[in-house]
PDB file of N, CA and C in Angstrom:
ATOM      1  N   MET A   1       7.172  -0.448  10.949  1.00  0.00           N
ATOM      2  CA  MET A   1       6.389   0.054  12.067  1.00  0.00           C
ATOM      3  C   MET A   1       7.317   0.870  12.947  1.00  0.00           C
ATOM      4  N   ASN A   2       6.854   1.989  13.371  1.00  0.00           N
ATOM      5  CA  ASN A   2       7.671   2.771  14.285  1.00  0.00           C
ATOM      6  C   ASN A   2       7.537   2.225  15.703  1.00  0.00           C
ATOM      7  N   PHE A   3       8.363   2.721  16.596  1.00  0.00           N
ATOM      8  CA  PHE A   3       8.378   2.202  17.965  1.00  0.00           C
ATOM      9  C   PHE A   3       7.024   2.350  18.637  1.00  0.00           C
ATOM     10  N   PHE A   4       6.351   3.473  18.407  1.00  0.00           N
ATOM     11  CA  PHE A   4       5.052   3.678  19.036  1.00  0.00           C
ATOM     12  C   PHE A   4       4.008   2.727  18.473  1.00  0.00           C
ATOM     13  N   GLY A   5       4.128   2.388  17.197  1.00  0.00           N
ATOM     14  CA  GLY A   5       3.226   1.406  16.604  1.00  0.00           C
ATOM     15  C   GLY A   5       3.411   0.040  17.229  1.00  0.00           C
ATOM     16  N   PHE A   6       4.665  -0.305  17.508  1.00  0.00           N
ATOM     17  CA  PHE A   6       4.938  -1.582  18.152  1.00  0.00           C
ATOM     18  C   PHE A   6       4.303  -1.632  19.534  1.00  0.00           C
ATOM     19  N   LEU A   7       4.345  -0.512  20.223  1.00  0.00           N
ATOM     20  CA  LEU A   7       3.798  -0.471  21.575  1.00  0.00           C
ATOM     21  C   LEU A   7       2.269  -0.435  21.587  1.00  0.00           C
ATOM     22  N   THR A   8       1.664  -0.096  20.462  1.00  0.00           N
ATOM     23  CA  THR A   8       0.209  -0.048  20.391  1.00  0.00           C
ATOM     24  C   THR A   8      -0.331  -1.446  20.639  1.00  0.00           C
ATOM     25  N   ALA A   9      -1.121  -1.588  21.630  1.00  0.00           N
ATOM     26  CA  ALA A   9      -1.628  -2.901  22.017  1.00  0.00           C
ATOM     27  C   ALA A   9      -3.100  -3.036  21.658  1.00  0.00           C
ATOM     28  N   ASP A  10      -3.538  -4.286  21.544  1.00  0.00           N
ATOM     29  CA  ASP A  10      -4.948  -4.535  21.324  1.00  0.00           C
ATOM     30  C   ASP A  10      -5.681  -4.474  22.667  1.00  0.00           C
ATOM     31  N   LYS A  11      -6.943  -4.818  22.664  1.00  0.00           N
ATOM     32  CA  LYS A  11      -7.725  -4.687  23.896  1.00  0.00           C
ATOM     33  C   LYS A  11      -7.253  -5.628  25.011  1.00  0.00           C
ATOM     34  N   GLU A  12      -6.530  -6.713  24.663  1.00  0.00           N
ATOM     35  CA  GLU A  12      -5.972  -7.611  25.681  1.00  0.00           C
ATOM     36  C   GLU A  12      -4.576  -7.172  26.110  1.00  0.00           C
ATOM     37  N   GLY A  13      -4.068  -6.093  25.523  1.00  0.00           N
ATOM     38  CA  GLY A  13      -2.753  -5.593  25.889  1.00  0.00           C
ATOM     39  C   GLY A  13      -1.607  -6.230  25.127  1.00  0.00           C
ATOM     40  N   LYS A  14      -1.884  -6.936  24.030  1.00  0.00           N
ATOM     41  CA  LYS A  14      -0.838  -7.598  23.261  1.00  0.00           C
ATOM     42  C   LYS A  14      -0.359  -6.716  22.112  1.00  0.00           C
ATOM     43  N   SER A  15       0.951  -6.660  21.938  1.00  0.00           N
ATOM     44  CA  SER A  15       1.535  -5.933  20.806  1.00  0.00           C
ATOM     45  C   SER A  15       1.289  -6.728  19.524  1.00  0.00           C
ATOM     46  N   LEU A  16       1.553  -6.111  18.383  1.00  0.00           N
ATOM     47  CA  LEU A  16       1.399  -6.818  17.110  1.00  0.00           C
ATOM     48  C   LEU A  16       2.290  -8.051  17.064  1.00  0.00           C
ATOM     49  N   MET A  17       3.518  -7.938  17.557  1.00  0.00           N
ATOM     50  CA  MET A  17       4.413  -9.086  17.555  1.00  0.00           C
ATOM     51  C   MET A  17       3.825 -10.237  18.358  1.00  0.00           C
ATOM     52  N   HIS A  18       3.325  -9.939  19.540  1.00  0.00           N
ATOM     53  CA  HIS A  18       2.750 -10.991  20.372  1.00  0.00           C
ATOM     54  C   HIS A  18       1.458 -11.540  19.765  1.00  0.00           C
ATOM     55  N   ARG A  19       0.690 -10.693  19.126  1.00  0.00           N
ATOM     56  CA  ARG A  19      -0.520 -11.160  18.448  1.00  0.00           C
ATOM     57  C   ARG A  19      -0.162 -12.096  17.302  1.00  0.00           C
ATOM     58  N   MET A  20       0.895 -11.757  16.548  1.00  0.00           N
ATOM     59  CA  MET A  20       1.335 -12.612  15.442  1.00  0.00           C
ATOM     60  C   MET A  20       1.816 -13.956  15.977  1.00  0.00           C
ATOM     61  N   MET A  21       2.623 -13.932  17.024  1.00  0.00           N
ATOM     62  CA  MET A  21       3.126 -15.179  17.615  1.00  0.00           C
ATOM     63  C   MET A  21       1.970 -16.043  18.134  1.00  0.00           C
ATOM     64  N   ALA A  22       0.996 -15.426  18.772  1.00  0.00           N
ATOM     65  CA  ALA A  22      -0.157 -16.172  19.296  1.00  0.00           C
ATOM     66  C   ALA A  22      -0.996 -16.735  18.156  1.00  0.00           C
ATOM     67  N   ALA A  23      -1.236 -15.942  17.112  1.00  0.00           N
ATOM     68  CA  ALA A  23      -2.041 -16.408  15.977  1.00  0.00           C
ATOM     69  C   ALA A  23      -1.411 -17.634  15.321  1.00  0.00           C
ATOM     70  N   LEU A  24      -0.091 -17.682  15.320  1.00  0.00           N
ATOM     71  CA  LEU A  24       0.615 -18.795  14.698  1.00  0.00           C
ATOM     72  C   LEU A  24       0.949 -19.910  15.686  1.00  0.00           C
ATOM     73  N   GLY A  25       0.524 -19.767  16.920  1.00  0.00           N
ATOM     74  CA  GLY A  25       0.681 -20.822  17.916  1.00  0.00           C
ATOM     75  C   GLY A  25       2.099 -21.036  18.409  1.00  0.00           C
ATOM     76  N   VAL A  26       2.942 -20.015  18.339  1.00  0.00           N
ATOM     77  CA  VAL A  26       4.330 -20.187  18.771  1.00  0.00           C
ATOM     78  C   VAL A  26       4.678 -19.342  19.990  1.00  0.00           C
ATOM     79  N   ASP A  27       3.710 -18.660  20.546  1.00  0.00           N
ATOM     80  CA  ASP A  27       3.986 -17.784  21.690  1.00  0.00           C
ATOM     81  C   ASP A  27       4.515 -18.568  22.888  1.00  0.00           C
ATOM     82  N   ARG A  28       3.923 -19.715  23.181  1.00  0.00           N
ATOM     83  CA  ARG A  28       4.416 -20.532  24.307  1.00  0.00           C
ATOM     84  C   ARG A  28       5.795 -21.096  24.025  1.00  0.00           C
ATOM     85  N   ARG A  29       6.018 -21.513  22.788  1.00  0.00           N
ATOM     86  CA  ARG A  29       7.325 -22.063  22.428  1.00  0.00           C
ATOM     87  C   ARG A  29       8.408 -21.008  22.595  1.00  0.00           C
ATOM     88  N   LEU A  30       8.106 -19.782  22.232  1.00  0.00           N
ATOM     89  CA  LEU A  30       9.064 -18.695  22.398  1.00  0.00           C
ATOM     90  C   LEU A  30       9.420 -18.521  23.868  1.00  0.00           C
ATOM     91  N   ARG A  31       8.417 -18.517  24.733  1.00  0.00           N
ATOM     92  CA  ARG A  31       8.659 -18.317  26.168  1.00  0.00           C
ATOM     93  C   ARG A  31       9.417 -19.478  26.803  1.00  0.00           C
ATOM     94  N   GLU A  32       9.392 -20.653  26.174  1.00  0.00           N
ATOM     95  CA  GLU A  32      10.063 -21.825  26.742  1.00  0.00           C
ATOM     96  C   GLU A  32      11.496 -21.995  26.250  1.00  0.00           C
ATOM     97  N   LEU A  33      11.933 -21.167  25.321  1.00  0.00           N
ATOM     98  CA  LEU A  33      13.302 -21.259  24.826  1.00  0.00           C
ATOM     99  C   LEU A  33      14.293 -20.860  25.914  1.00  0.00           C
ATOM    100  N   PRO A  34      15.443 -21.538  25.969  1.00  0.00           N
ATOM    101  CA  PRO A  34      16.499 -21.046  26.850  1.00  0.00           C
ATOM    102  C   PRO A  34      16.896 -19.647  26.369  1.00  0.00           C
ATOM    103  N   GLY A  35      17.062 -18.738  27.262  1.00  0.00           N
ATOM    104  CA  GLY A  35      17.421 -17.376  26.888  1.00  0.00           C
ATOM    105  C   GLY A  35      16.326 -16.660  26.133  1.00  0.00           C
ATOM    106  N   HIS A  36      15.078 -17.026  26.404  1.00  0.00           N
ATOM    107  CA  HIS A  36      13.944 -16.487  25.645  1.00  0.00           C
ATOM    108  C   HIS A  36      13.836 -14.966  25.724  1.00  0.00           C
ATOM    109  N   ALA A  37      14.283 -14.375  26.827  1.00  0.00           N
ATOM    110  CA  ALA A  37      14.173 -12.920  26.952  1.00  0.00           C
ATOM    111  C   ALA A  37      15.002 -12.217  25.880  1.00  0.00           C
ATOM    112  N   ALA A  38      16.199 -12.724  25.616  1.00  0.00           N
ATOM    113  CA  ALA A  38      17.052 -12.122  24.585  1.00  0.00           C
ATOM    114  C   ALA A  38      16.479 -12.368  23.195  1.00  0.00           C
ATOM    115  N   VAL A  39      15.959 -13.556  22.955  1.00  0.00           N
ATOM    116  CA  VAL A  39      15.348 -13.871  21.658  1.00  0.00           C
ATOM    117  C   VAL A  39      14.133 -12.984  21.437  1.00  0.00           C
ATOM    118  N   GLU A  40      13.314 -12.837  22.461  1.00  0.00           N
ATOM    119  CA  GLU A  40      12.116 -11.997  22.352  1.00  0.00           C
ATOM    120  C   GLU A  40      12.494 -10.528  22.153  1.00  0.00           C
ATOM    121  N   ALA A  41      13.543 -10.080  22.811  1.00  0.00           N
ATOM    122  CA  ALA A  41      13.988  -8.692  22.651  1.00  0.00           C
ATOM    123  C   ALA A  41      14.449  -8.430  21.219  1.00  0.00           C
ATOM    124  N   ARG A  42      15.170  -9.382  20.620  1.00  0.00           N
ATOM    125  CA  ARG A  42      15.608  -9.209  19.226  1.00  0.00           C
ATOM    126  C   ARG A  42      14.403  -9.222  18.287  1.00  0.00           C
ATOM    127  N   ALA A  43      13.439 -10.096  18.563  1.00  0.00           N
ATOM    128  CA  ALA A  43      12.226 -10.147  17.739  1.00  0.00           C
ATOM    129  C   ALA A  43      11.445  -8.838  17.859  1.00  0.00           C
ATOM    130  N   ALA A  44      11.373  -8.304  19.060  1.00  0.00           N
ATOM    131  CA  ALA A  44      10.674  -7.033  19.277  1.00  0.00           C
ATOM    132  C   ALA A  44      11.378  -5.905  18.549  1.00  0.00           C
ATOM    133  N   GLU A  45      12.701  -5.923  18.529  1.00  0.00           N
ATOM    134  CA  GLU A  45      13.468  -4.910  17.811  1.00  0.00           C
ATOM    135  C   GLU A  45      13.180  -4.976  16.307  1.00  0.00           C
ATOM    136  N   ARG A  46      13.178  -6.196  15.754  1.00  0.00           N
ATOM    137  CA  ARG A  46      12.859  -6.340  14.322  1.00  0.00           C
ATOM    138  C   ARG A  46      11.454  -5.824  14.035  1.00  0.00           C
ATOM    139  N   CYS A  47      10.518  -6.159  14.890  1.00  0.00           N
ATOM    140  CA  CYS A  47       9.127  -5.735  14.712  1.00  0.00           C
ATOM    141  C   CYS A  47       9.018  -4.209  14.809  1.00  0.00           C
ATOM    142  N   SER A  48       9.745  -3.625  15.725  1.00  0.00           N
ATOM    143  CA  SER A  48       9.657  -2.169  15.920  1.00  0.00           C
ATOM    144  C   SER A  48      10.212  -1.396  14.736  1.00  0.00           C
ATOM    145  N   GLN A  49      11.055  -2.031  13.932  1.00  0.00           N
ATOM    146  CA  GLN A  49      11.644  -1.369  12.772  1.00  0.00           C
ATOM    147  C   GLN A  49      10.893  -1.666  11.471  1.00  0.00           C
ATOM    148  N   CYS A  50       9.837  -2.424  11.547  1.00  0.00           N
ATOM    149  CA  CYS A  50       9.061  -2.828  10.365  1.00  0.00           C
ATOM    150  C   CYS A  50       8.199  -1.669   9.851  1.00  0.00           C
ATOM    151  N   ASP A  51       8.062  -1.589   8.545  1.00  0.00           N
ATOM    152  CA  ASP A  51       7.236  -0.551   7.923  1.00  0.00           C
ATOM    153  C   ASP A  51       5.869  -1.063   7.486  1.00  0.00           C
ATOM    154  N   HIS A  52       5.447  -2.211   7.984  1.00  0.00           N
ATOM    155  CA  HIS A  52       4.206  -2.843   7.525  1.00  0.00           C
ATOM    156  C   HIS A  52       3.135  -2.916   8.619  1.00  0.00           C
ATOM    157  N   GLU A  53       3.106  -1.943   9.502  1.00  0.00           N
ATOM    158  CA  GLU A  53       2.163  -1.973  10.621  1.00  0.00           C
ATOM    159  C   GLU A  53       0.711  -2.130  10.149  1.00  0.00           C
ATOM    160  N   GLY A  54       0.284  -1.310   9.207  1.00  0.00           N
ATOM    161  CA  GLY A  54      -1.092  -1.391   8.709  1.00  0.00           C
ATOM    162  C   GLY A  54      -1.384  -2.719   8.051  1.00  0.00           C
ATOM    163  N   GLU A  55      -0.435  -3.200   7.247  1.00  0.00           N
ATOM    164  CA  GLU A  55      -0.606  -4.508   6.609  1.00  0.00           C
ATOM    165  C   GLU A  55      -0.698  -5.614   7.656  1.00  0.00           C
ATOM    166  N   CYS A  56       0.107  -5.509   8.687  1.00  0.00           N
ATOM    167  CA  CYS A  56       0.113  -6.507   9.756  1.00  0.00           C
ATOM    168  C   CYS A  56      -1.240  -6.530  10.477  1.00  0.00           C
ATOM    169  N   ILE A  57      -1.742  -5.364  10.818  1.00  0.00           N
ATOM    170  CA  ILE A  57      -3.035  -5.266  11.490  1.00  0.00           C
ATOM    171  C   ILE A  57      -4.124  -5.891  10.625  1.00  0.00           C
ATOM    172  N   ASN A  58      -4.127  -5.557   9.335  1.00  0.00           N
ATOM    173  CA  ASN A  58      -5.132  -6.110   8.422  1.00  0.00           C
ATOM    174  C   ASN A  58      -4.974  -7.611   8.253  1.00  0.00           C
ATOM    175  N   TRP A  59      -3.727  -8.068   8.151  1.00  0.00           N
ATOM    176  CA  TRP A  59      -3.469  -9.496   7.976  1.00  0.00           C
ATOM    177  C   TRP A  59      -3.950 -10.282   9.197  1.00  0.00           C
ATOM    178  N   LEU A  60      -3.645  -9.782  10.368  1.00  0.00           N
ATOM    179  CA  LEU A  60      -4.093 -10.459  11.591  1.00  0.00           C
ATOM    180  C   LEU A  60      -5.620 -10.496  11.681  1.00  0.00           C
ATOM    181  N   ALA A  61      -6.273  -9.419  11.265  1.00  0.00           N
ATOM    182  CA  ALA A  61      -7.736  -9.373  11.301  1.00  0.00           C
ATOM    183  C   ALA A  61      -8.352 -10.362  10.317  1.00  0.00           C
ATOM    184  N   ALA A  62      -7.680 -10.599   9.202  1.00  0.00           N
ATOM    185  CA  ALA A  62      -8.229 -11.461   8.154  1.00  0.00           C
ATOM    186  C   ALA A  62      -7.816 -12.921   8.279  1.00  0.00           C
ATOM    187  N   ASN A  63      -6.859 -13.224   9.144  1.00  0.00           N
ATOM    188  CA  ASN A  63      -6.316 -14.585   9.257  1.00  0.00           C
ATOM    189  C   ASN A  63      -6.377 -15.053  10.702  1.00  0.00           C
ATOM    190  N   GLU A  64      -7.470 -15.709  11.028  1.00  0.00           N
ATOM    191  CA  GLU A  64      -7.679 -16.124  12.414  1.00  0.00           C
ATOM    192  C   GLU A  64      -6.770 -17.276  12.850  1.00  0.00           C
ATOM    193  N   LYS A  65      -6.602 -18.283  12.010  1.00  0.00           N
ATOM    194  CA  LYS A  65      -5.763 -19.451  12.326  1.00  0.00           C
ATOM    195  C   LYS A  65      -4.805 -19.727  11.166  1.00  0.00           C
ATOM    196  N   PRO A  66      -3.818 -18.858  10.954  1.00  0.00           N
ATOM    197  CA  PRO A  66      -2.902 -19.028   9.825  1.00  0.00           C
ATOM    198  C   PRO A  66      -1.894 -20.160  10.051  1.00  0.00           C
ATOM    199  N   ASP A  67      -1.361 -20.678   8.954  1.00  0.00           N
ATOM    200  CA  ASP A  67      -0.318 -21.706   9.025  1.00  0.00           C
ATOM    201  C   ASP A  67       1.071 -21.108   9.043  1.00  0.00           C
ATOM    202  N   GLN A  68       1.212 -19.954   8.440  1.00  0.00           N
ATOM    203  CA  GLN A  68       2.512 -19.291   8.375  1.00  0.00           C
ATOM    204  C   GLN A  68       2.323 -17.786   8.364  1.00  0.00           C
ATOM    205  N   PRO A  69       3.364 -17.073   8.753  1.00  0.00           N
ATOM    206  CA  PRO A  69       3.256 -15.611   8.779  1.00  0.00           C
ATOM    207  C   PRO A  69       3.255 -15.046   7.364  1.00  0.00           C
ATOM    208  N   PRO A  70       2.857 -13.797   7.223  1.00  0.00           N
ATOM    209  CA  PRO A  70       2.888 -13.174   5.902  1.00  0.00           C
ATOM    210  C   PRO A  70       4.330 -12.970   5.429  1.00  0.00           C
ATOM    211  N   GLU A  71       4.489 -12.858   4.135  1.00  0.00           N
ATOM    212  CA  GLU A  71       5.822 -12.666   3.535  1.00  0.00           C
ATOM    213  C   GLU A  71       6.545 -11.447   4.098  1.00  0.00           C
ATOM    214  N   PHE A  72       5.801 -10.400   4.439  1.00  0.00           N
ATOM    215  CA  PHE A  72       6.438  -9.164   4.894  1.00  0.00           C
ATOM    216  C   PHE A  72       6.891  -9.201   6.348  1.00  0.00           C
ATOM    217  N   CYS A  73       6.565 -10.227   7.096  1.00  0.00           N
ATOM    218  CA  CYS A  73       6.870 -10.281   8.522  1.00  0.00           C
ATOM    219  C   CYS A  73       8.381 -10.380   8.762  1.00  0.00           C
ATOM    220  N   SER A  74       8.902  -9.461   9.527  1.00  0.00           N
ATOM    221  CA  SER A  74      10.339  -9.436   9.812  1.00  0.00           C
ATOM    222  C   SER A  74      10.769 -10.550  10.765  1.00  0.00           C
ATOM    223  N   ASN A  75       9.821 -11.215  11.395  1.00  0.00           N
ATOM    224  CA  ASN A  75      10.125 -12.345  12.280  1.00  0.00           C
ATOM    225  C   ASN A  75       9.727 -13.682  11.647  1.00  0.00           C
ATOM    226  N   ARG A  76       9.560 -13.685  10.342  1.00  0.00           N
ATOM    227  CA  ARG A  76       9.136 -14.885   9.622  1.00  0.00           C
ATOM    228  C   ARG A  76      10.082 -16.068   9.875  1.00  0.00           C
ATOM    229  N   ASP A  77      11.390 -15.835   9.813  1.00  0.00           N
ATOM    230  CA  ASP A  77      12.353 -16.921  10.024  1.00  0.00           C
ATOM    231  C   ASP A  77      12.286 -17.467  11.446  1.00  0.00           C
ATOM    232  N   LEU A  78      12.194 -16.582  12.431  1.00  0.00           N
ATOM    233  CA  LEU A  78      12.073 -17.016  13.823  1.00  0.00           C
ATOM    234  C   LEU A  78      10.804 -17.844  14.006  1.00  0.00           C
ATOM    235  N   ILE A  79       9.708 -17.383  13.463  1.00  0.00           N
ATOM    236  CA  ILE A  79       8.439 -18.105  13.588  1.00  0.00           C
ATOM    237  C   ILE A  79       8.547 -19.477  12.955  1.00  0.00           C
ATOM    238  N   ALA A  80       9.175 -19.574  11.784  1.00  0.00           N
ATOM    239  CA  ALA A  80       9.352 -20.871  11.124  1.00  0.00           C
ATOM    240  C   ALA A  80      10.164 -21.824  11.999  1.00  0.00           C
ATOM    241  N   ARG A  81      11.222 -21.310  12.621  1.00  0.00           N
ATOM    242  CA  ARG A  81      12.025 -22.158  13.516  1.00  0.00           C
ATOM    243  C   ARG A  81      11.216 -22.600  14.728  1.00  0.00           C
ATOM    244  N   LEU A  82      10.431 -21.697  15.283  1.00  0.00           N
ATOM    245  CA  LEU A  82       9.598 -22.055  16.438  1.00  0.00           C
ATOM    246  C   LEU A  82       8.545 -23.087  16.054  1.00  0.00           C
ATOM    247  N   GLN A  83       7.999 -22.995  14.853  1.00  0.00           N
ATOM    248  CA  GLN A  83       6.996 -23.961  14.406  1.00  0.00           C
ATOM    249  C   GLN A  83       7.580 -25.362  14.257  1.00  0.00           C
ATOM    250  N   LYS A  84       8.863 -25.467  14.021  1.00  0.00           N
ATOM    251  CA  LYS A  84       9.522 -26.776  13.852  1.00  0.00           C
ATOM    252  C   LYS A  84       9.804 -27.462  15.182  1.00  0.00           C
ATOM    253  N   LEU A  85       9.770 -26.697  16.274  1.00  0.00           N
ATOM    254  CA  LEU A  85      10.002 -27.286  17.588  1.00  0.00           C
ATOM    255  C   LEU A  85       8.816 -28.173  17.979  1.00  0.00           C
ATOM    256  N   ALA A  86       9.090 -29.155  18.801  1.00  0.00           N
ATOM    257  CA  ALA A  86       8.016 -30.036  19.270  1.00  0.00           C
ATOM    258  C   ALA A  86       6.973 -29.223  20.007  1.00  0.00           C
ATOM    259  N   PRO A  87       5.689 -29.508  19.782  1.00  0.00           N
ATOM    260  CA  PRO A  87       4.634 -28.773  20.481  1.00  0.00           C
ATOM    261  C   PRO A  87       4.735 -28.967  21.977  1.00  0.00           C
ATOM    262  N   THR A  88       4.355 -27.935  22.698  1.00  0.00           N
ATOM    263  CA  THR A  88       4.339 -28.025  24.155  1.00  0.00           C
ATOM    264  C   THR A  88       3.032 -28.670  24.599  1.00  0.00           C
ATOM    265  N   PRO A  89       3.108 -29.499  25.623  1.00  0.00           N
ATOM    266  CA  PRO A  89       1.873 -30.196  26.091  1.00  0.00           C
ATOM    267  C   PRO A  89       0.861 -29.264  26.712  1.00  0.00           C
TER     268      PRO A  89
END
């Protein structure tokens, strides 16, 4: 995905990265990490360099409550680590 694709937001103003994190239920966990701004910035950088923007959009549209991110997701490892953290109340 190019930088402008990353900035393309949905009607709620969420980028693809934030939509993916929310769909997988790790968006709050990401925000609660110590140093979350730096972690989020690195995740945004990986997302901005991804070449799967169209696939990501289609995957998000077809997977309302997924258990794991798609194989092509450049933040797959980060999401897996966030999923292992204790759920937030």
